[in-house]
C-alpha atoms as a PDB file:
ATOM      1  CA  UNK A   1      -7.602  27.112  -1.083  1.00  0.00           C
ATOM      2  CA  UNK A   2      -9.047  26.901  -4.627  1.00  0.00           C
ATOM      3  CA  UNK A   3      -5.568  25.833  -5.946  1.00  0.00           C
ATOM      4  CA  UNK A   4      -5.920  22.626  -3.822  1.00  0.00           C
ATOM      5  CA  UNK A   5      -9.477  21.638  -5.287  1.00  0.00           C
ATOM      6  CA  UNK A   6      -9.288  18.955  -7.601  1.00  0.00           C
ATOM      7  CA  UNK A   7     -11.480  18.818 -10.718  1.00  0.00           C
ATOM      8  CA  UNK A   8     -12.831  15.701 -10.222  1.00  0.00           C
ATOM      9  CA  UNK A   9     -14.941  16.989  -6.851  1.00  0.00           C
ATOM     10  CA  UNK A  10     -18.228  17.347  -8.163  1.00  0.00           C
ATOM     11  CA  UNK A  11     -19.803  20.963  -7.961  1.00  0.00           C
ATOM     12  CA  UNK A  12     -22.095  20.296  -5.359  1.00  0.00           C
ATOM     13  CA  UNK A  13     -19.363  18.647  -2.999  1.00  0.00           C
ATOM     14  CA  UNK A  14     -16.898  21.403  -3.722  1.00  0.00           C
ATOM     15  CA  UNK A  15     -17.705  23.301  -0.619  1.00  0.00           C
ATOM     16  CA  UNK A  16     -17.765  20.362   1.493  1.00  0.00           C
ATOM     17  CA  UNK A  17     -14.217  19.333   0.192  1.00  0.00           C
ATOM     18  CA  UNK A  18     -12.763  22.917   0.705  1.00  0.00           C
ATOM     19  CA  UNK A  19     -14.290  22.713   4.296  1.00  0.00           C
ATOM     20  CA  UNK A  20     -12.678  19.442   4.979  1.00  0.00           C
ATOM     21  CA  UNK A  21      -9.099  20.897   3.511  1.00  0.00           C
ATOM     22  CA  UNK A  22      -9.260  24.050   5.438  1.00  0.00           C
ATOM     23  CA  UNK A  23     -10.066  21.877   8.835  1.00  0.00           C
ATOM     24  CA  UNK A  24      -7.176  19.493   8.315  1.00  0.00           C
ATOM     25  CA  UNK A  25      -4.793  22.167   7.221  1.00  0.00           C
ATOM     26  CA  UNK A  26      -5.965  24.922   9.461  1.00  0.00           C
ATOM     27  CA  UNK A  27      -6.145  27.159   6.820  1.00  0.00           C
ATOM     28  CA  UNK A  28      -2.580  26.751   5.871  1.00  0.00           C
ATOM     29  CA  UNK A  29      -2.403  24.453   2.948  1.00  0.00           C
ATOM     30  CA  UNK A  30      -0.317  22.038   5.254  1.00  0.00           C
ATOM     31  CA  UNK A  31      -1.021  18.997   6.997  1.00  0.00           C
ATOM     32  CA  UNK A  32      -0.063  17.666  10.281  1.00  0.00           C
ATOM     33  CA  UNK A  33      -1.123  14.003  10.166  1.00  0.00           C
ATOM     34  CA  UNK A  34      -0.971  12.018  13.684  1.00  0.00           C
ATOM     35  CA  UNK A  35      -0.225   8.578  12.433  1.00  0.00           C
ATOM     36  CA  UNK A  36      -2.039   5.556  14.448  1.00  0.00           C
ATOM     37  CA  UNK A  37      -1.920   2.944  11.983  1.00  0.00           C
ATOM     38  CA  UNK A  38       1.238   1.234  13.384  1.00  0.00           C
ATOM     39  CA  UNK A  39      -0.867  -1.255  15.500  1.00  0.00           C
ATOM     40  CA  UNK A  40      -1.060  -3.469  12.363  1.00  0.00           C
ATOM     41  CA  UNK A  41       2.205  -2.156  10.287  1.00  0.00           C
ATOM     42  CA  UNK A  42       4.640  -2.788  13.330  1.00  0.00           C
ATOM     43  CA  UNK A  43       2.665  -5.159  15.449  1.00  0.00           C
ATOM     44  CA  UNK A  44       3.251  -4.339  19.176  1.00  0.00           C
ATOM     45  CA  UNK A  45       7.110  -3.074  18.495  1.00  0.00           C
ATOM     46  CA  UNK A  46       5.874   0.622  18.668  1.00  0.00           C
ATOM     47  CA  UNK A  47       3.927   0.395  21.616  1.00  0.00           C
ATOM     48  CA  UNK A  48       5.544  -2.065  24.312  1.00  0.00           C
ATOM     49  CA  UNK A  49       9.085  -2.164  25.368  1.00  0.00           C
ATOM     50  CA  UNK A  50      12.068  -0.387  26.613  1.00  0.00           C
ATOM     51  CA  UNK A  51      11.675   3.289  26.471  1.00  0.00           C
ATOM     52  CA  UNK A  52       7.985   3.526  25.740  1.00  0.00           C
ATOM     53  CA  UNK A  53       5.516   4.228  28.706  1.00  0.00           C
ATOM     54  CA  UNK A  54       3.151   1.496  29.713  1.00  0.00           C
ATOM     55  CA  UNK A  55       0.103   3.644  28.746  1.00  0.00           C
ATOM     56  CA  UNK A  56       1.054   3.486  25.027  1.00  0.00           C
ATOM     57  CA  UNK A  57       0.140  -0.362  24.921  1.00  0.00           C
ATOM     58  CA  UNK A  58      -3.582   0.739  25.187  1.00  0.00           C
ATOM     59  CA  UNK A  59      -5.048   1.455  21.909  1.00  0.00           C
ATOM     60  CA  UNK A  60      -6.962   4.374  23.714  1.00  0.00           C
ATOM     61  CA  UNK A  61      -3.749   6.612  24.419  1.00  0.00           C
ATOM     62  CA  UNK A  62      -3.879   7.165  20.809  1.00  0.00           C
ATOM     63  CA  UNK A  63      -7.388   8.561  21.347  1.00  0.00           C
ATOM     64  CA  UNK A  64      -6.701  10.376  24.015  1.00  0.00           C
ATOM     65  CA  UNK A  65      -3.911  12.231  22.255  1.00  0.00           C
ATOM     66  CA  UNK A  66      -5.737  12.910  19.194  1.00  0.00           C
ATOM     67  CA  UNK A  67      -8.573  14.675  21.370  1.00  0.00           C
ATOM     68  CA  UNK A  68      -6.610  16.803  23.611  1.00  0.00           C
ATOM     69  CA  UNK A  69      -3.756  17.772  21.020  1.00  0.00           C
ATOM     70  CA  UNK A  70      -3.449  20.145  18.069  1.00  0.00           C
ATOM     71  CA  UNK A  71      -3.680  17.794  14.882  1.00  0.00           C
ATOM     72  CA  UNK A  72      -4.601  17.975  11.221  1.00  0.00           C
ATOM     73  CA  UNK A  73      -6.225  14.426  11.389  1.00  0.00           C
ATOM     74  CA  UNK A  74      -5.868  11.390  13.133  1.00  0.00           C
ATOM     75  CA  UNK A  75      -5.093   8.885  10.987  1.00  0.00           C
ATOM     76  CA  UNK A  76      -5.990   4.866  11.640  1.00  0.00           C
ATOM     77  CA  UNK A  77      -8.087   2.029  10.808  1.00  0.00           C
ATOM     78  CA  UNK A  78     -11.827   1.951  10.648  1.00  0.00           C
ATOM     79  CA  UNK A  79     -12.008  -0.754  13.340  1.00  0.00           C
ATOM     80  CA  UNK A  80     -10.129   1.340  15.953  1.00  0.00           C
ATOM     81  CA  UNK A  81     -12.053   4.251  15.124  1.00  0.00           C
ATOM     82  CA  UNK A  82     -15.165   2.015  15.422  1.00  0.00           C
ATOM     83  CA  UNK A  83     -14.281   0.775  18.772  1.00  0.00           C
ATOM     84  CA  UNK A  84     -13.305   4.350  20.442  1.00  0.00           C
ATOM     85  CA  UNK A  85     -14.944   6.995  18.517  1.00  0.00           C
ATOM     86  CA  UNK A  86     -18.458   7.137  20.551  1.00  0.00           C
ATOM     87  CA  UNK A  87     -16.229   8.563  23.241  1.00  0.00           C
ATOM     88  CA  UNK A  88     -13.823  10.794  20.941  1.00  0.00           C
ATOM     89  CA  UNK A  89     -16.307  12.109  18.732  1.00  0.00           C
ATOM     90  CA  UNK A  90     -14.420  15.593  18.354  1.00  0.00           C
ATOM     91  CA  UNK A  91     -11.415  14.282  16.771  1.00  0.00           C
ATOM     92  CA  UNK A  92     -10.996  15.056  12.954  1.00  0.00           C
ATOM     93  CA  UNK A  93     -10.363  11.543  11.437  1.00  0.00           C
ATOM     94  CA  UNK A  94      -8.804   9.936   8.411  1.00  0.00           C
ATOM     95  CA  UNK A  95      -9.567   6.338   7.816  1.00  0.00           C
ATOM     96  CA  UNK A  96      -6.681   4.388   6.640  1.00  0.00           C
ATOM     97  CA  UNK A  97      -8.153   1.577   4.121  1.00  0.00           C
ATOM     98  CA  UNK A  98      -5.219  -0.758   3.934  1.00  0.00           C
ATOM     99  CA  UNK A  99      -2.516  -2.107   6.347  1.00  0.00           C
ATOM    100  CA  UNK A 100      -0.142  -4.954   6.337  1.00  0.00           C
ATOM    101  CA  UNK A 101       2.135  -6.336   8.982  1.00  0.00           C
ATOM    102  CA  UNK A 102       5.756  -6.759   9.204  1.00  0.00           C
ATOM    103  CA  UNK A 103       6.132 -10.531   9.662  1.00  0.00           C
ATOM    104  CA  UNK A 104       7.242 -11.224   6.482  1.00  0.00           C
ATOM    105  CA  UNK A 105      10.417  -9.730   5.407  1.00  0.00           C
ATOM    106  CA  UNK A 106      10.516  -7.681   2.111  1.00  0.00           C
ATOM    107  CA  UNK A 107      13.686  -9.486   0.660  1.00  0.00           C
ATOM    108  CA  UNK A 108      11.421 -12.752   1.288  1.00  0.00           C
ATOM    109  CA  UNK A 109       8.566 -11.591  -0.400  1.00  0.00           C
ATOM    110  CA  UNK A 110       7.470  -8.194  -2.276  1.00  0.00           C
ATOM    111  CA  UNK A 111       4.452  -6.508  -0.295  1.00  0.00           C
ATOM    112  CA  UNK A 112       1.005  -6.262  -0.951  1.00  0.00           C
ATOM    113  CA  UNK A 113      -1.460  -4.244   1.175  1.00  0.00           C
ATOM    114  CA  UNK A 114      -5.040  -4.996  -0.024  1.00  0.00           C
ATOM    115  CA  UNK A 115      -7.597  -2.817   0.493  1.00  0.00           C
ATOM    116  CA  UNK A 116      -9.774  -3.515   3.485  1.00  0.00           C
ATOM    117  CA  UNK A 117     -13.091  -1.419   2.835  1.00  0.00           C
ATOM    118  CA  UNK A 118     -14.320   0.573   0.346  1.00  0.00           C
ATOM    119  CA  UNK A 119     -14.896   4.389   0.406  1.00  0.00           C
ATOM    120  CA  UNK A 120     -18.547   3.910   0.228  1.00  0.00           C
ATOM    121  CA  UNK A 121     -18.221   1.853   3.515  1.00  0.00           C
ATOM    122  CA  UNK A 122     -16.307   5.070   4.827  1.00  0.00           C
ATOM    123  CA  UNK A 123     -19.265   7.522   3.760  1.00  0.00           C
ATOM    124  CA  UNK A 124     -21.810   5.567   5.147  1.00  0.00           C
ATOM    125  CA  UNK A 125     -20.145   5.127   8.684  1.00  0.00           C
ATOM    126  CA  UNK A 126     -19.412   8.971   8.597  1.00  0.00           C
ATOM    127  CA  UNK A 127     -23.419   9.571   8.010  1.00  0.00           C
ATOM    128  CA  UNK A 128     -24.469   6.926  10.558  1.00  0.00           C
ATOM    129  CA  UNK A 129     -22.158   8.014  13.138  1.00  0.00           C
ATOM    130  CA  UNK A 130     -22.020  11.952  12.769  1.00  0.00           C
ATOM    131  CA  UNK A 131     -18.514  11.664  13.168  1.00  0.00           C
ATOM    132  CA  UNK A 132     -15.832  13.981  11.678  1.00  0.00           C
ATOM    133  CA  UNK A 133     -14.155  11.949   8.862  1.00  0.00           C
ATOM    134  CA  UNK A 134     -12.181  14.255   6.665  1.00  0.00           C
ATOM    135  CA  UNK A 135     -10.657  11.758   4.372  1.00  0.00           C
ATOM    136  CA  UNK A 136      -9.341   8.456   3.589  1.00  0.00           C
ATOM    137  CA  UNK A 137      -5.554   7.007   3.129  1.00  0.00           C
ATOM    138  CA  UNK A 138      -4.117   4.191   1.504  1.00  0.00           C
ATOM    139  CA  UNK A 139      -0.630   2.558   1.437  1.00  0.00           C
ATOM    140  CA  UNK A 140       1.201   1.896  -2.210  1.00  0.00           C
ATOM    141  CA  UNK A 141       4.624   0.046  -2.093  1.00  0.00           C
ATOM    142  CA  UNK A 142       6.475   1.040  -5.283  1.00  0.00           C
ATOM    143  CA  UNK A 143       8.732  -1.605  -6.838  1.00  0.00           C
ATOM    144  CA  UNK A 144       6.591  -4.544  -5.599  1.00  0.00           C
ATOM    145  CA  UNK A 145       5.529  -7.263  -7.840  1.00  0.00           C
ATOM    146  CA  UNK A 146       2.052  -6.644  -6.813  1.00  0.00           C
ATOM    147  CA  UNK A 147       2.234  -2.499  -7.546  1.00  0.00           C
ATOM    148  CA  UNK A 148       0.024  -2.599 -10.463  1.00  0.00           C
ATOM    149  CA  UNK A 149      -2.954  -3.930  -8.084  1.00  0.00           C
ATOM    150  CA  UNK A 150      -2.099  -1.026  -5.244  1.00  0.00           C
ATOM    151  CA  UNK A 151      -1.902   1.618  -8.016  1.00  0.00           C
ATOM    152  CA  UNK A 152      -5.469   0.506  -9.344  1.00  0.00           C
ATOM    153  CA  UNK A 153      -6.815   0.405  -5.690  1.00  0.00           C
ATOM    154  CA  UNK A 154      -5.358   3.800  -4.996  1.00  0.00           C
ATOM    155  CA  UNK A 155      -6.532   5.567  -8.009  1.00  0.00           C
ATOM    156  CA  UNK A 156      -9.932   4.351  -7.324  1.00  0.00           C
ATOM    157  CA  UNK A 157      -9.640   5.231  -3.742  1.00  0.00           C
ATOM    158  CA  UNK A 158      -8.788   9.075  -4.355  1.00  0.00           C
ATOM    159  CA  UNK A 159     -11.430   9.517  -6.939  1.00  0.00           C
ATOM    160  CA  UNK A 160     -13.986   7.974  -4.889  1.00  0.00           C
ATOM    161  CA  UNK A 161     -12.846  10.270  -2.110  1.00  0.00           C
ATOM    162  CA  UNK A 162     -13.289  13.491  -4.027  1.00  0.00           C
ATOM    163  CA  UNK A 163     -16.455  12.432  -5.410  1.00  0.00           C
ATOM    164  CA  UNK A 164     -17.521  12.499  -1.982  1.00  0.00           C
ATOM    165  CA  UNK A 165     -15.876  15.804  -0.852  1.00  0.00           C
ATOM    166  CA  UNK A 166     -13.340  13.996   1.207  1.00  0.00           C
ATOM    167  CA  UNK A 167      -9.330  14.110   1.023  1.00  0.00           C
ATOM    168  CA  UNK A 168      -7.207  11.518  -0.319  1.00  0.00           C
ATOM    169  CA  UNK A 169      -3.827  10.656   1.438  1.00  0.00           C
ATOM    170  CA  UNK A 170      -1.499   8.352   0.244  1.00  0.00           C
ATOM    171  CA  UNK A 171       1.490   6.417   2.230  1.00  0.00           C
ATOM    172  CA  UNK A 172       3.920   5.816  -1.046  1.00  0.00           C
ATOM    173  CA  UNK A 173       7.007   3.698  -0.040  1.00  0.00           C
ATOM    174  CA  UNK A 174       9.540   1.919  -2.336  1.00  0.00           C
ATOM    175  CA  UNK A 175       9.612  -1.426  -1.189  1.00  0.00           C
ATOM    176  CA  UNK A 176      10.806  -4.779  -2.434  1.00  0.00           C
ATOM    177  CA  UNK A 177      13.467  -6.978  -3.916  1.00  0.00           C
ATOM    178  CA  UNK A 178      14.590  -4.490  -6.356  1.00  0.00           C
ATOM    179  CA  UNK A 179      14.493  -1.424  -4.170  1.00  0.00           C
ATOM    180  CA  UNK A 180      18.188  -1.023  -3.235  1.00  0.00           C
ATOM    181  CA  UNK A 181      17.688   1.957  -1.159  1.00  0.00           C
ATOM    182  CA  UNK A 182      14.288   3.518   0.068  1.00  0.00           C
ATOM    183  CA  UNK A 183      15.894   6.871   0.983  1.00  0.00           C
ATOM    184  CA  UNK A 184      17.326   7.537  -2.217  1.00  0.00           C
ATOM    185  CA  UNK A 185      16.189  11.237  -3.016  1.00  0.00           C
ATOM    186  CA  UNK A 186      15.549  10.363  -6.817  1.00  0.00           C
ATOM    187  CA  UNK A 187      13.766   7.323  -5.929  1.00  0.00           C
ATOM    188  CA  UNK A 188      11.753   9.610  -3.666  1.00  0.00           C
ATOM    189  CA  UNK A 189      10.956  12.083  -6.200  1.00  0.00           C
ATOM    190  CA  UNK A 190       9.683   9.450  -8.467  1.00  0.00           C
ATOM    191  CA  UNK A 191       7.369   8.156  -5.701  1.00  0.00           C
ATOM    192  CA  UNK A 192       6.133  12.162  -5.220  1.00  0.00           C
ATOM    193  CA  UNK A 193       5.501  12.194  -8.919  1.00  0.00           C
ATOM    194  CA  UNK A 194       3.560   8.995  -8.680  1.00  0.00           C
ATOM    195  CA  UNK A 195       1.349  10.608  -5.886  1.00  0.00           C
ATOM    196  CA  UNK A 196       0.566  13.586  -8.286  1.00  0.00           C
ATOM    197  CA  UNK A 197      -0.083  11.195 -11.247  1.00  0.00           C
ATOM    198  CA  UNK A 198      -2.795   9.432  -8.884  1.00  0.00           C
ATOM    199  CA  UNK A 199      -4.226  12.673  -8.049  1.00  0.00           C
ATOM    200  CA  UNK A 200      -3.459  12.463  -4.228  1.00  0.00           C
ATOM    201  CA  UNK A 201      -4.112  15.646  -2.115  1.00  0.00           C
ATOM    202  CA  UNK A 202      -0.827  14.602   0.274  1.00  0.00           C
ATOM    203  CA  UNK A 203       1.758  11.866  -0.167  1.00  0.00           C
ATOM    204  CA  UNK A 204       3.766  10.713   2.854  1.00  0.00           C
ATOM    205  CA  UNK A 205       7.106   9.624   1.876  1.00  0.00           C
ATOM    206  CA  UNK A 206      10.596   8.876   3.231  1.00  0.00           C
ATOM    207  CA  UNK A 207      12.790  11.267   4.025  1.00  0.00           C
ATOM    208  CA  UNK A 208      15.825  11.294   1.784  1.00  0.00           C
ATOM    209  CA  UNK A 209      19.169  10.626   2.749  1.00  0.00           C
ATOM    210  CA  UNK A 210      22.941  11.384   2.099  1.00  0.00           C
ATOM    211  CA  UNK A 211      25.260   9.059   3.652  1.00  0.00           C
ATOM    212  CA  UNK A 212      22.753   8.159   6.150  1.00  0.00           C
ATOM    213  CA  UNK A 213      21.595  11.551   7.135  1.00  0.00           C
ATOM    214  CA  UNK A 214      18.884  13.889   6.278  1.00  0.00           C
ATOM    215  CA  UNK A 215      19.788  16.793   4.073  1.00  0.00           C
ATOM    216  CA  UNK A 216      16.786  19.193   3.594  1.00  0.00           C
ATOM    217  CA  UNK A 217      17.777  20.549   0.092  1.00  0.00           C
ATOM    218  CA  UNK A 218      17.469  17.034  -1.188  1.00  0.00           C
ATOM    219  CA  UNK A 219      13.720  16.957  -0.582  1.00  0.00           C
ATOM    220  CA  UNK A 220      13.440  19.642  -3.104  1.00  0.00           C
ATOM    221  CA  UNK A 221      13.387  17.570  -6.220  1.00  0.00           C
ATOM    222  CA  UNK A 222      10.707  15.422  -4.462  1.00  0.00           C
ATOM    223  CA  UNK A 223       8.217  18.445  -3.440  1.00  0.00           C
ATOM    224  CA  UNK A 224       8.689  20.009  -7.226  1.00  0.00           C
ATOM    225  CA  UNK A 225       7.766  16.562  -8.393  1.00  0.00           C
ATOM    226  CA  UNK A 226       4.987  16.434  -6.440  1.00  0.00           C
ATOM    227  CA  UNK A 227       3.489  19.509  -7.913  1.00  0.00           C
ATOM    228  CA  UNK A 228       0.209  20.576  -6.459  1.00  0.00           C
ATOM    229  CA  UNK A 229       0.220  17.229  -4.130  1.00  0.00           C
ATOM    230  CA  UNK A 230       1.538  18.191  -0.860  1.00  0.00           C
ATOM    231  CA  UNK A 231       4.615  16.427   0.207  1.00  0.00           C
ATOM    232  CA  UNK A 232       4.319  14.610   3.992  1.00  0.00           C
ATOM    233  CA  UNK A 233       7.579  13.444   5.361  1.00  0.00           C
ATOM    234  CA  UNK A 234       7.241  10.402   7.598  1.00  0.00           C
ATOM    235  CA  UNK A 235       8.061  10.961  11.089  1.00  0.00           C
ATOM    236  CA  UNK A 236      10.425   7.768  11.634  1.00  0.00           C
ATOM    237  CA  UNK A 237      11.748   6.405  14.659  1.00  0.00           C
ATOM    238  CA  UNK A 238      11.390   8.476  18.072  1.00  0.00           C
ATOM    239  CA  UNK A 239      14.311  10.998  18.584  1.00  0.00           C
ATOM    240  CA  UNK A 240      14.684  14.205  20.925  1.00  0.00           C
ATOM    241  CA  UNK A 241      12.566  17.308  20.390  1.00  0.00           C
ATOM    242  CA  UNK A 242      15.287  19.388  18.932  1.00  0.00           C
ATOM    243  CA  UNK A 243      16.572  17.164  16.368  1.00  0.00           C
ATOM    244  CA  UNK A 244      12.890  16.191  15.119  1.00  0.00           C
ATOM    245  CA  UNK A 245      11.745  20.071  15.261  1.00  0.00           C
ATOM    246  CA  UNK A 246      14.598  21.351  13.969  1.00  0.00           C
ATOM    247  CA  UNK A 247      14.503  18.435  10.879  1.00  0.00           C
ATOM    248  CA  UNK A 248      10.566  19.418  10.526  1.00  0.00           C
ATOM    249  CA  UNK A 249      11.365  23.049  10.180  1.00  0.00           C
ATOM    250  CA  UNK A 250      13.873  22.590   7.318  1.00  0.00           C
ATOM    251  CA  UNK A 251      11.760  20.057   5.844  1.00  0.00           C
ATOM    252  CA  UNK A 252       9.053  22.936   5.352  1.00  0.00           C
ATOM    253  CA  UNK A 253      11.166  25.825   4.906  1.00  0.00           C
ATOM    254  CA  UNK A 254      14.208  24.509   2.738  1.00  0.00           C
ATOM    255  CA  UNK A 255      12.743  21.292   1.198  1.00  0.00           C
ATOM    256  CA  UNK A 256       9.321  22.574   0.413  1.00  0.00           C
ATOM    257  CA  UNK A 257       6.979  19.974   2.250  1.00  0.00           C
ATOM    258  CA  UNK A 258       3.735  20.626   3.299  1.00  0.00           C
ATOM    259  CA  UNK A 259       3.286  18.607   6.212  1.00  0.00           C
ATOM    260  CA  UNK A 260       4.371  15.655   8.201  1.00  0.00           C
ATOM    261  CA  UNK A 261       3.147  12.107   9.463  1.00  0.00           C
ATOM    262  CA  UNK A 262       4.087  11.465  12.629  1.00  0.00           C
ATOM    263  CA  UNK A 263       3.237   8.731  15.152  1.00  0.00           C
ATOM    264  CA  UNK A 264       5.948   7.390  17.337  1.00  0.00           C
ATOM    265  CA  UNK A 265       7.680  10.844  17.989  1.00  0.00           C
ATOM    266  CA  UNK A 266       4.130  11.557  19.636  1.00  0.00           C
ATOM    267  CA  UNK A 267       2.553   8.271  21.328  1.00  0.00           C
ATOM    268  CA  UNK A 268       5.834   6.963  22.626  1.00  0.00           C
ATOM    269  CA  UNK A 269       5.639   9.504  25.384  1.00  0.00           C
ATOM    270  CA  UNK A 270       3.260   9.599  28.348  1.00  0.00           C
ATOM    271  CA  UNK A 271       0.073  11.656  27.948  1.00  0.00           C
ATOM    272  CA  UNK A 272       1.042  15.346  28.866  1.00  0.00           C
ATOM    273  CA  UNK A 273       4.553  15.114  27.211  1.00  0.00           C
ATOM    274  CA  UNK A 274       2.749  13.641  23.914  1.00  0.00           C
ATOM    275  CA  UNK A 275       0.220  16.322  23.835  1.00  0.00           C
ATOM    276  CA  UNK A 276       2.750  19.029  24.129  1.00  0.00           C
ATOM    277  CA  UNK A 277       4.895  17.125  21.545  1.00  0.00           C
ATOM    278  CA  UNK A 278       1.915  17.123  18.894  1.00  0.00           C
ATOM    279  CA  UNK A 279       1.292  21.073  19.802  1.00  0.00           C
ATOM    280  CA  UNK A 280       4.789  21.945  19.060  1.00  0.00           C
ATOM    281  CA  UNK A 281       4.536  19.975  15.575  1.00  0.00           C
ATOM    282  CA  UNK A 282       1.311  21.566  14.874  1.00  0.00           C
ATOM    283  CA  UNK A 283       2.817  24.772  15.631  1.00  0.00           C
ATOM    284  CA  UNK A 284       5.860  24.500  13.051  1.00  0.00           C
ATOM    285  CA  UNK A 285       3.585  22.729  10.459  1.00  0.00           C
ATOM    286  CA  UNK A 286       0.438  25.040  10.415  1.00  0.00           C
ATOM    287  CA  UNK A 287       1.323  28.371  12.416  1.00  0.00           C
ATOM    288  CA  UNK A 288       4.563  28.965  11.150  1.00  0.00           C
ATOM    289  CA  UNK A 289       6.270  28.520  14.499  1.00  0.00           C
ATOM    290  CA  UNK A 290      10.301  28.986  14.716  1.00  0.00           C
ATOM    291  CA  UNK A 291      12.169  25.883  16.266  1.00  0.00           C
ATOM    292  CA  UNK A 292      12.439  27.737  19.334  1.00  0.00           C
ATOM    293  CA  UNK A 293       8.809  28.559  19.853  1.00  0.00           C
ATOM    294  CA  UNK A 294       8.169  25.117  19.152  1.00  0.00           C
ATOM    295  CA  UNK A 295      10.626  23.790  21.802  1.00  0.00           C
ATOM    296  CA  UNK A 296       9.099  26.245  24.216  1.00  0.00           C
ATOM    297  CA  UNK A 297       5.624  24.425  23.552  1.00  0.00           C
ATOM    298  CA  UNK A 298       7.306  21.078  23.719  1.00  0.00           C
ATOM    299  CA  UNK A 299       8.800  21.555  27.385  1.00  0.00           C
ATOM    300  CA  UNK A 300       5.521  23.253  28.540  1.00  0.00           C
ATOM    301  CA  UNK A 301       6.638  26.650  28.894  1.00  0.00           C
ATOM    302  CA  UNK A 302       4.191  28.206  26.088  1.00  0.00           C
END
């Protein structure tokens, strides 16, 4: 794990960082991030409607999944953690430090997702609550006219996280009036390089497309450009288990990614099914399970 230890982690925090990294990745160097930040990002569109179980509208559904399934970290906002974590203390948390809604369309105004809280607030919360907070996260919208402000905030967040022995995960999405194709493989590779330049431990990126479909070989440019920053592929809209798990396997074993950030493909299911799907994703990501083995887990046959 030493190859994943950033030089800005102080000597007296090295074991703390390596312990957090090892726990989050299950000793594999790969991260299964259960994304629960969409309550702000997508408002209620992801939690209520046709094809979505009624229980998903209650935020506690996310915590029930996170507490019972195999995950690396559960990423969500500070406030949600503060409301529910007394009953879900065993969950490995990653605090998302910024978020914005999708009410204003990107073609109308370039996005700026400003930092809500400081890393020191998270550190104090971790100490006072005794919660298992392993890291922090932050979104950067590359191509926005406000990217300079977000890049500055991201750089500071990553450094402060490392000074305290915590992981730093970036969501890096090209957005704005000047971004013609956010799934362009070369642009995504550029975003991966920005994540590396900022010193992130992991960068959650869009999936590269060719003619509106995922081609795993196209991901290799991004994973190489990221260097020692691990690439996490976004989970995207809910699809069937076979399609999702096959793409996940190819992202890792062909594209060279080091994990995933998945929300809707887990929580838009009834609790038992959501837990099985999370376990299947974790098995592929961390335990090197095959697609066939993972499908058995998702189907309740393993």
